[in-house]
Amino acid sequence: RAVEAMTQDVQRLERVSHRFERIGRPPRDER
């Protein structure tokens, strides 16, 4: 369970990292 929770946290950190990459750039238009 700890490993599963760490996996989710790392995935969330990756999403947060992607957010910072998107700052100052045109937003995507997708479904």
PDB file of all heavy atoms in Angstrom:
ATOM      1  N   ARG A   1       0.826  -1.212   0.000  1.00  0.00           N
ATOM      2  CA  ARG A   1       0.000   0.000   0.000  1.00  0.00           C
ATOM      3  C   ARG A   1       0.854   1.253   0.000  1.00  0.00           C
ATOM      4  O   ARG A   1       0.523   2.233  -0.656  1.00  0.00           O
ATOM      5  CB  ARG A   1      -0.903  -0.023   1.230  1.00  0.00           C
ATOM      6  CG  ARG A   1      -1.986  -1.114   1.190  1.00  0.00           C
ATOM      7  CD  ARG A   1      -2.812  -1.097   2.447  1.00  0.00           C
ATOM      8  NE  ARG A   1      -3.436   0.227   2.642  1.00  0.00           N
ATOM      9  CZ  ARG A   1      -4.136   0.546   3.739  1.00  0.00           C
ATOM     10  NH1 ARG A   1      -4.252  -0.330   4.734  1.00  0.00           N
ATOM     11  NH2 ARG A   1      -4.676   1.731   3.831  1.00  0.00           N
ATOM     12  N   ALA A   2       1.974   1.207   0.716  1.00  0.00           N
ATOM     13  CA  ALA A   2       2.871   2.362   0.733  1.00  0.00           C
ATOM     14  C   ALA A   2       3.459   2.612  -0.654  1.00  0.00           C
ATOM     15  O   ALA A   2       3.566   3.759  -1.113  1.00  0.00           O
ATOM     16  CB  ALA A   2       3.976   2.149   1.759  1.00  0.00           C
ATOM     17  N   VAL A   3       3.851   1.551  -1.326  1.00  0.00           N
ATOM     18  CA  VAL A   3       4.408   1.700  -2.673  1.00  0.00           C
ATOM     19  C   VAL A   3       3.355   2.256  -3.625  1.00  0.00           C
ATOM     20  O   VAL A   3       3.639   3.113  -4.478  1.00  0.00           O
ATOM     21  CB  VAL A   3       4.951   0.346  -3.179  1.00  0.00           C
ATOM     22  CG1 VAL A   3       5.303   0.437  -4.661  1.00  0.00           C
ATOM     23  CG2 VAL A   3       6.160  -0.061  -2.373  1.00  0.00           C
ATOM     24  N   GLU A   4       2.121   1.774  -3.481  1.00  0.00           N
ATOM     25  CA  GLU A   4       1.044   2.279  -4.343  1.00  0.00           C
ATOM     26  C   GLU A   4       0.802   3.763  -4.097  1.00  0.00           C
ATOM     27  O   GLU A   4       0.612   4.547  -5.043  1.00  0.00           O
ATOM     28  CB  GLU A   4      -0.233   1.484  -4.079  1.00  0.00           C
ATOM     29  CG  GLU A   4      -1.398   1.913  -4.966  1.00  0.00           C
ATOM     30  CD  GLU A   4      -2.656   1.124  -4.662  1.00  0.00           C
ATOM     31  OE1 GLU A   4      -2.593   0.191  -3.824  1.00  0.00           O
ATOM     32  OE2 GLU A   4      -3.718   1.437  -5.248  1.00  0.00           O
ATOM     33  N   ALA A   5       0.828   4.176  -2.832  1.00  0.00           N
ATOM     34  CA  ALA A   5       0.636   5.592  -2.511  1.00  0.00           C
ATOM     35  C   ALA A   5       1.792   6.435  -3.033  1.00  0.00           C
ATOM     36  O   ALA A   5       1.584   7.542  -3.559  1.00  0.00           O
ATOM     37  CB  ALA A   5       0.491   5.774  -0.996  1.00  0.00           C
ATOM     38  N   MET A   6       3.019   5.913  -2.911  1.00  0.00           N
ATOM     39  CA  MET A   6       4.168   6.657  -3.447  1.00  0.00           C
ATOM     40  C   MET A   6       4.075   6.789  -4.967  1.00  0.00           C
ATOM     41  O   MET A   6       4.442   7.825  -5.544  1.00  0.00           O
ATOM     42  CB  MET A   6       5.464   5.962  -3.041  1.00  0.00           C
ATOM     43  CG  MET A   6       5.830   6.153  -1.567  1.00  0.00           C
ATOM     44  SD  MET A   6       7.491   5.555  -1.172  1.00  0.00           S
ATOM     45  CE  MET A   6       7.268   3.786  -1.403  1.00  0.00           C
ATOM     46  N   THR A   7       3.583   5.759  -5.629  1.00  0.00           N
ATOM     47  CA  THR A   7       3.410   5.827  -7.082  1.00  0.00           C
ATOM     48  C   THR A   7       2.438   6.937  -7.462  1.00  0.00           C
ATOM     49  O   THR A   7       2.687   7.721  -8.388  1.00  0.00           O
ATOM     50  CB  THR A   7       2.908   4.474  -7.615  1.00  0.00           C
ATOM     51  OG1 THR A   7       3.837   3.450  -7.270  1.00  0.00           O
ATOM     52  CG2 THR A   7       2.734   4.528  -9.121  1.00  0.00           C
ATOM     53  N   GLN A   8       1.328   7.015  -6.736  1.00  0.00           N
ATOM     54  CA  GLN A   8       0.359   8.073  -7.009  1.00  0.00           C
ATOM     55  C   GLN A   8       0.947   9.455  -6.736  1.00  0.00           C
ATOM     56  O   GLN A   8       0.710  10.403  -7.492  1.00  0.00           O
ATOM     57  CB  GLN A   8      -0.895   7.850  -6.166  1.00  0.00           C
ATOM     58  CG  GLN A   8      -1.675   6.610  -6.551  1.00  0.00           C
ATOM     59  CD  GLN A   8      -2.886   6.410  -5.665  1.00  0.00           C
ATOM     60  OE1 GLN A   8      -3.091   7.142  -4.694  1.00  0.00           O
ATOM     61  NE2 GLN A   8      -3.701   5.407  -5.976  1.00  0.00           N
ATOM     62  N   ASP A   9       1.729   9.575  -5.662  1.00  0.00           N
ATOM     63  CA  ASP A   9       2.340  10.870  -5.345  1.00  0.00           C
ATOM     64  C   ASP A   9       3.357  11.279  -6.410  1.00  0.00           C
ATOM     65  O   ASP A   9       3.436  12.456  -6.784  1.00  0.00           O
ATOM     66  CB  ASP A   9       3.013  10.819  -3.980  1.00  0.00           C
ATOM     67  CG  ASP A   9       1.994  10.784  -2.847  1.00  0.00           C
ATOM     68  OD1 ASP A   9       0.867  11.272  -3.072  1.00  0.00           O
ATOM     69  OD2 ASP A   9       2.323  10.265  -1.763  1.00  0.00           O
ATOM     70  N   VAL A  10       4.149  10.337  -6.886  1.00  0.00           N
ATOM     71  CA  VAL A  10       5.111  10.655  -7.940  1.00  0.00           C
ATOM     72  C   VAL A  10       4.379  11.064  -9.218  1.00  0.00           C
ATOM     73  O   VAL A  10       4.791  12.004  -9.916  1.00  0.00           O
ATOM     74  CB  VAL A  10       6.052   9.461  -8.192  1.00  0.00           C
ATOM     75  CG1 VAL A  10       6.882   9.693  -9.459  1.00  0.00           C
ATOM     76  CG2 VAL A  10       6.971   9.261  -6.996  1.00  0.00           C
ATOM     77  N   GLN A  11       3.296  10.375  -9.535  1.00  0.00           N
ATOM     78  CA  GLN A  11       2.518  10.751 -10.708  1.00  0.00           C
ATOM     79  C   GLN A  11       1.950  12.162 -10.553  1.00  0.00           C
ATOM     80  O   GLN A  11       1.914  12.928 -11.524  1.00  0.00           O
ATOM     81  CB  GLN A  11       1.390   9.739 -10.927  1.00  0.00           C
ATOM     82  CG  GLN A  11       1.882   8.365 -11.363  1.00  0.00           C
ATOM     83  CD  GLN A  11       0.761   7.354 -11.450  1.00  0.00           C
ATOM     84  OE1 GLN A  11      -0.373   7.620 -11.026  1.00  0.00           O
ATOM     85  NE2 GLN A  11       1.062   6.173 -11.984  1.00  0.00           N
ATOM     86  N   ARG A  12       1.520  12.478  -9.349  1.00  0.00           N
ATOM     87  CA  ARG A  12       1.011  13.827  -9.132  1.00  0.00           C
ATOM     88  C   ARG A  12       2.128  14.862  -9.267  1.00  0.00           C
ATOM     89  O   ARG A  12       1.933  15.940  -9.828  1.00  0.00           O
ATOM     90  CB  ARG A  12       0.376  13.930  -7.746  1.00  0.00           C
ATOM     91  CG  ARG A  12      -0.240  15.302  -7.477  1.00  0.00           C
ATOM     92  CD  ARG A  12      -1.012  15.324  -6.178  1.00  0.00           C
ATOM     93  NE  ARG A  12      -1.606  16.642  -5.986  1.00  0.00           N
ATOM     94  CZ  ARG A  12      -0.990  17.667  -5.407  1.00  0.00           C
ATOM     95  NH1 ARG A  12       0.250  17.522  -4.986  1.00  0.00           N
ATOM     96  NH2 ARG A  12      -1.597  18.820  -5.274  1.00  0.00           N
ATOM     97  N   LEU A  13       3.306  14.542  -8.745  1.00  0.00           N
ATOM     98  CA  LEU A  13       4.442  15.462  -8.914  1.00  0.00           C
ATOM     99  C   LEU A  13       4.771  15.662 -10.392  1.00  0.00           C
ATOM    100  O   LEU A  13       5.129  16.767 -10.809  1.00  0.00           O
ATOM    101  CB  LEU A  13       5.658  14.928  -8.165  1.00  0.00           C
ATOM    102  CG  LEU A  13       5.642  15.064  -6.639  1.00  0.00           C
ATOM    103  CD1 LEU A  13       6.854  14.362  -6.035  1.00  0.00           C
ATOM    104  CD2 LEU A  13       5.633  16.530  -6.239  1.00  0.00           C
ATOM    105  N   GLU A  14       4.649  14.614 -11.171  1.00  0.00           N
ATOM    106  CA  GLU A  14       4.888  14.749 -12.604  1.00  0.00           C
ATOM    107  C   GLU A  14       3.853  15.665 -13.250  1.00  0.00           C
ATOM    108  O   GLU A  14       4.186  16.474 -14.116  1.00  0.00           O
ATOM    109  CB  GLU A  14       4.875  13.371 -13.259  1.00  0.00           C
ATOM    110  CG  GLU A  14       6.082  12.495 -12.897  1.00  0.00           C
ATOM    111  CD  GLU A  14       5.994  11.119 -13.513  1.00  0.00           C
ATOM    112  OE1 GLU A  14       4.888  10.761 -13.996  1.00  0.00           O
ATOM    113  OE2 GLU A  14       7.002  10.402 -13.507  1.00  0.00           O
ATOM    114  N   ARG A  15       2.599  15.541 -12.814  1.00  0.00           N
ATOM    115  CA  ARG A  15       1.574  16.426 -13.358  1.00  0.00           C
ATOM    116  C   ARG A  15       1.827  17.872 -12.952  1.00  0.00           C
ATOM    117  O   ARG A  15       1.640  18.795 -13.741  1.00  0.00           O
ATOM    118  CB  ARG A  15       0.188  15.974 -12.889  1.00  0.00           C
ATOM    119  CG  ARG A  15      -0.267  14.659 -13.522  1.00  0.00           C
ATOM    120  CD  ARG A  15      -1.772  14.461 -13.336  1.00  0.00           C
ATOM    121  NE  ARG A  15      -2.132  14.348 -11.929  1.00  0.00           N
ATOM    122  CZ  ARG A  15      -2.165  13.191 -11.273  1.00  0.00           C
ATOM    123  NH1 ARG A  15      -1.859  12.056 -11.896  1.00  0.00           N
ATOM    124  NH2 ARG A  15      -2.521  13.149 -10.004  1.00  0.00           N
ATOM    125  N   VAL A  16       2.248  18.077 -11.698  1.00  0.00           N
ATOM    126  CA  VAL A  16       2.585  19.434 -11.252  1.00  0.00           C
ATOM    127  C   VAL A  16       3.742  19.990 -12.070  1.00  0.00           C
ATOM    128  O   VAL A  16       3.748  21.169 -12.463  1.00  0.00           O
ATOM    129  CB  VAL A  16       2.928  19.431  -9.747  1.00  0.00           C
ATOM    130  CG1 VAL A  16       3.472  20.796  -9.318  1.00  0.00           C
ATOM    131  CG2 VAL A  16       1.690  19.081  -8.922  1.00  0.00           C
ATOM    132  N   SER A  17       4.732  19.139 -12.351  1.00  0.00           N
ATOM    133  CA  SER A  17       5.858  19.566 -13.176  1.00  0.00           C
ATOM    134  C   SER A  17       5.393  19.974 -14.563  1.00  0.00           C
ATOM    135  O   SER A  17       5.854  20.980 -15.123  1.00  0.00           O
ATOM    136  CB  SER A  17       6.888  18.436 -13.263  1.00  0.00           C
ATOM    137  OG  SER A  17       7.936  18.778 -14.136  1.00  0.00           O
ATOM    138  N   HIS A  18       4.450  19.223 -15.128  1.00  0.00           N
ATOM    139  CA  HIS A  18       3.914  19.569 -16.446  1.00  0.00           C
ATOM    140  C   HIS A  18       3.180  20.905 -16.403  1.00  0.00           C
ATOM    141  O   HIS A  18       3.209  21.665 -17.373  1.00  0.00           O
ATOM    142  CB  HIS A  18       2.973  18.470 -16.933  1.00  0.00           C
ATOM    143  CG  HIS A  18       3.681  17.181 -17.252  1.00  0.00           C
ATOM    144  ND1 HIS A  18       4.966  17.140 -17.738  1.00  0.00           N
ATOM    145  CD2 HIS A  18       3.264  15.882 -17.156  1.00  0.00           C
ATOM    146  CE1 HIS A  18       5.324  15.881 -17.930  1.00  0.00           C
ATOM    147  NE2 HIS A  18       4.312  15.091 -17.575  1.00  0.00           N
ATOM    148  N   ARG A  19       2.531  21.196 -15.269  1.00  0.00           N
ATOM    149  CA  ARG A  19       1.839  22.487 -15.162  1.00  0.00           C
ATOM    150  C   ARG A  19       2.829  23.646 -15.273  1.00  0.00           C
ATOM    151  O   ARG A  19       2.578  24.636 -15.972  1.00  0.00           O
ATOM    152  CB  ARG A  19       1.110  22.582 -13.822  1.00  0.00           C
ATOM    153  CG  ARG A  19      -0.029  21.602 -13.656  1.00  0.00           C
ATOM    154  CD  ARG A  19      -0.549  21.675 -12.242  1.00  0.00           C
ATOM    155  NE  ARG A  19      -1.482  20.608 -11.953  1.00  0.00           N
ATOM    156  CZ  ARG A  19      -1.975  20.366 -10.749  1.00  0.00           C
ATOM    157  NH1 ARG A  19      -1.585  21.107  -9.721  1.00  0.00           N
ATOM    158  NH2 ARG A  19      -2.827  19.376 -10.552  1.00  0.00           N
ATOM    159  N   PHE A  20       3.942  23.527 -14.562  1.00  0.00           N
ATOM    160  CA  PHE A  20       4.936  24.601 -14.626  1.00  0.00           C
ATOM    161  C   PHE A  20       5.496  24.753 -16.033  1.00  0.00           C
ATOM    162  O   PHE A  20       5.857  25.858 -16.444  1.00  0.00           O
ATOM    163  CB  PHE A  20       6.060  24.343 -13.625  1.00  0.00           C
ATOM    164  CG  PHE A  20       5.657  24.567 -12.194  1.00  0.00           C
ATOM    165  CD1 PHE A  20       5.715  23.542 -11.266  1.00  0.00           C
ATOM    166  CD2 PHE A  20       5.218  25.806 -11.776  1.00  0.00           C
ATOM    167  CE1 PHE A  20       5.340  23.748  -9.952  1.00  0.00           C
ATOM    168  CE2 PHE A  20       4.845  26.024 -10.465  1.00  0.00           C
ATOM    169  CZ  PHE A  20       4.901  24.995  -9.554  1.00  0.00           C
ATOM    170  N   GLU A  21       5.569  23.662 -16.757  1.00  0.00           N
ATOM    171  CA  GLU A  21       6.048  23.752 -18.142  1.00  0.00           C
ATOM    172  C   GLU A  21       5.067  24.517 -19.017  1.00  0.00           C
ATOM    173  O   GLU A  21       5.465  25.124 -20.006  1.00  0.00           O
ATOM    174  CB  GLU A  21       6.262  22.349 -18.711  1.00  0.00           C
ATOM    175  CG  GLU A  21       7.436  21.590 -18.105  1.00  0.00           C
ATOM    176  CD  GLU A  21       7.562  20.189 -18.678  1.00  0.00           C
ATOM    177  OE1 GLU A  21       6.651  19.787 -19.446  1.00  0.00           O
ATOM    178  OE2 GLU A  21       8.543  19.508 -18.364  1.00  0.00           O
ATOM    179  N   ARG A  22       3.763  24.497 -18.642  1.00  0.00           N
ATOM    180  CA  ARG A  22       2.745  25.128 -19.466  1.00  0.00           C
ATOM    181  C   ARG A  22       2.591  26.612 -19.188  1.00  0.00           C
ATOM    182  O   ARG A  22       1.896  27.314 -19.942  1.00  0.00           O
ATOM    183  CB  ARG A  22       1.406  24.432 -19.224  1.00  0.00           C
ATOM    184  CG  ARG A  22       1.444  22.927 -19.418  1.00  0.00           C
ATOM    185  CD  ARG A  22       1.773  22.565 -20.838  1.00  0.00           C
ATOM    186  NE  ARG A  22       0.758  23.044 -21.728  1.00  0.00           N
ATOM    187  CZ  ARG A  22      -0.408  22.418 -21.925  1.00  0.00           C
ATOM    188  NH1 ARG A  22      -0.643  21.297 -21.304  1.00  0.00           N
ATOM    189  NH2 ARG A  22      -1.280  22.925 -22.756  1.00  0.00           N
ATOM    190  N   ILE A  23       3.177  27.099 -18.106  1.00  0.00           N
ATOM    191  CA  ILE A  23       3.037  28.522 -17.772  1.00  0.00           C
ATOM    192  C   ILE A  23       3.673  29.375 -18.871  1.00  0.00           C
ATOM    193  O   ILE A  23       4.802  29.152 -19.284  1.00  0.00           O
ATOM    194  CB  ILE A  23       3.686  28.825 -16.410  1.00  0.00           C
ATOM    195  CG1 ILE A  23       2.910  28.148 -15.292  1.00  0.00           C
ATOM    196  CG2 ILE A  23       3.761  30.330 -16.148  1.00  0.00           C
ATOM    197  CD1 ILE A  23       3.495  28.344 -13.921  1.00  0.00           C
ATOM    198  N   GLY A  24       2.920  30.384 -19.306  1.00  0.00           N
ATOM    199  CA  GLY A  24       3.422  31.292 -20.335  1.00  0.00           C
ATOM    200  C   GLY A  24       3.263  30.775 -21.746  1.00  0.00           C
ATOM    201  O   GLY A  24       3.659  31.459 -22.689  1.00  0.00           O
ATOM    202  N   ARG A  25       2.677  29.602 -21.922  1.00  0.00           N
ATOM    203  CA  ARG A  25       2.479  29.038 -23.247  1.00  0.00           C
ATOM    204  C   ARG A  25       0.982  28.979 -23.569  1.00  0.00           C
ATOM    205  O   ARG A  25       0.159  28.946 -22.664  1.00  0.00           O
ATOM    206  CB  ARG A  25       3.084  27.635 -23.330  1.00  0.00           C
ATOM    207  CG  ARG A  25       4.603  27.641 -23.163  1.00  0.00           C
ATOM    208  CD  ARG A  25       5.167  26.230 -23.269  1.00  0.00           C
ATOM    209  NE  ARG A  25       6.615  26.235 -23.119  1.00  0.00           N
ATOM    210  CZ  ARG A  25       7.363  25.152 -23.139  1.00  0.00           C
ATOM    211  NH1 ARG A  25       6.782  23.955 -23.290  1.00  0.00           N
ATOM    212  NH2 ARG A  25       8.672  25.241 -23.005  1.00  0.00           N
ATOM    213  N   PRO A  26       0.606  28.965 -24.860  1.00  0.00           N
ATOM    214  CA  PRO A  26      -0.818  28.905 -25.208  1.00  0.00           C
ATOM    215  C   PRO A  26      -1.453  27.623 -24.675  1.00  0.00           C
ATOM    216  O   PRO A  26      -0.865  26.549 -24.752  1.00  0.00           O
ATOM    217  CB  PRO A  26      -0.808  28.923 -26.751  1.00  0.00           C
ATOM    218  CG  PRO A  26       0.516  29.511 -27.120  1.00  0.00           C
ATOM    219  CD  PRO A  26       1.470  29.092 -26.042  1.00  0.00           C
ATOM    220  N   PRO A  27      -2.655  27.707 -24.118  1.00  0.00           N
ATOM    221  CA  PRO A  27      -3.317  26.502 -23.593  1.00  0.00           C
ATOM    222  C   PRO A  27      -3.757  25.580 -24.726  1.00  0.00           C
ATOM    223  O   PRO A  27      -4.029  26.027 -25.840  1.00  0.00           O
ATOM    224  CB  PRO A  27      -4.527  27.068 -22.837  1.00  0.00           C
ATOM    225  CG  PRO A  27      -4.812  28.371 -23.516  1.00  0.00           C
ATOM    226  CD  PRO A  27      -3.480  28.919 -23.931  1.00  0.00           C
ATOM    227  N   ARG A  28      -3.849  24.320 -24.418  1.00  0.00           N
ATOM    228  CA  ARG A  28      -4.326  23.352 -25.401  1.00  0.00           C
ATOM    229  C   ARG A  28      -5.846  23.424 -25.511  1.00  0.00           C
ATOM    230  O   ARG A  28      -6.541  23.757 -24.559  1.00  0.00           O
ATOM    231  CB  ARG A  28      -3.899  21.944 -24.993  1.00  0.00           C
ATOM    232  CG  ARG A  28      -2.397  21.728 -25.024  1.00  0.00           C
ATOM    233  CD  ARG A  28      -2.047  20.340 -24.517  1.00  0.00           C
ATOM    234  NE  ARG A  28      -0.602  20.122 -24.504  1.00  0.00           N
ATOM    235  CZ  ARG A  28      -0.008  19.046 -23.983  1.00  0.00           C
ATOM    236  NH1 ARG A  28      -0.764  18.107 -23.429  1.00  0.00           N
ATOM    237  NH2 ARG A  28       1.302  18.930 -24.010  1.00  0.00           N
ATOM    238  N   ASP A  29      -6.332  23.074 -26.691  1.00  0.00           N
ATOM    239  CA  ASP A  29      -7.767  23.025 -26.926  1.00  0.00           C
ATOM    240  C   ASP A  29      -8.113  21.597 -27.324  1.00  0.00           C
ATOM    241  O   ASP A  29      -7.983  21.211 -28.483  1.00  0.00           O
ATOM    242  CB  ASP A  29      -8.164  24.021 -28.021  1.00  0.00           C
ATOM    243  CG  ASP A  29      -9.675  24.098 -28.200  1.00  0.00           C
ATOM    244  OD1 ASP A  29     -10.402  23.586 -27.337  1.00  0.00           O
ATOM    245  OD2 ASP A  29     -10.118  24.656 -29.230  1.00  0.00           O
ATOM    246  N   GLU A  30      -8.546  20.819 -26.347  1.00  0.00           N
ATOM    247  CA  GLU A  30      -8.808  19.404 -26.586  1.00  0.00           C
ATOM    248  C   GLU A  30     -10.070  18.985 -25.844  1.00  0.00           C
ATOM    249  O   GLU A  30     -10.608  19.727 -25.015  1.00  0.00           O
ATOM    250  CB  GLU A  30      -7.615  18.561 -26.106  1.00  0.00           C
ATOM    251  CG  GLU A  30      -7.250  18.802 -24.642  1.00  0.00           C
ATOM    252  CD  GLU A  30      -5.919  18.196 -24.252  1.00  0.00           C
ATOM    253  OE1 GLU A  30      -5.226  17.701 -25.131  1.00  0.00           O
ATOM    254  OE2 GLU A  30      -5.597  18.246 -23.050  1.00  0.00           O
ATOM    255  N   ARG A  31     -10.544  17.789 -26.163  1.00  0.00           N
ATOM    256  CA  ARG A  31     -11.708  17.246 -25.487  1.00  0.00           C
ATOM    257  C   ARG A  31     -11.283  16.639 -24.151  1.00  0.00           C
ATOM    258  O   ARG A  31     -10.404  15.781 -24.098  1.00  0.00           O
ATOM    259  CB  ARG A  31     -12.362  16.170 -26.353  1.00  0.00           C
ATOM    260  CG  ARG A  31     -13.040  16.720 -27.595  1.00  0.00           C
ATOM    261  CD  ARG A  31     -14.345  17.402 -27.229  1.00  0.00           C
ATOM    262  NE  ARG A  31     -15.106  17.811 -28.401  1.00  0.00           N
ATOM    263  CZ  ARG A  31     -16.293  18.370 -28.347  1.00  0.00           C
ATOM    264  NH1 ARG A  31     -16.850  18.610 -27.177  1.00  0.00           N
ATOM    265  NH2 ARG A  31     -16.926  18.727 -29.441  1.00  0.00           N
TER     266      ARG A  31
END
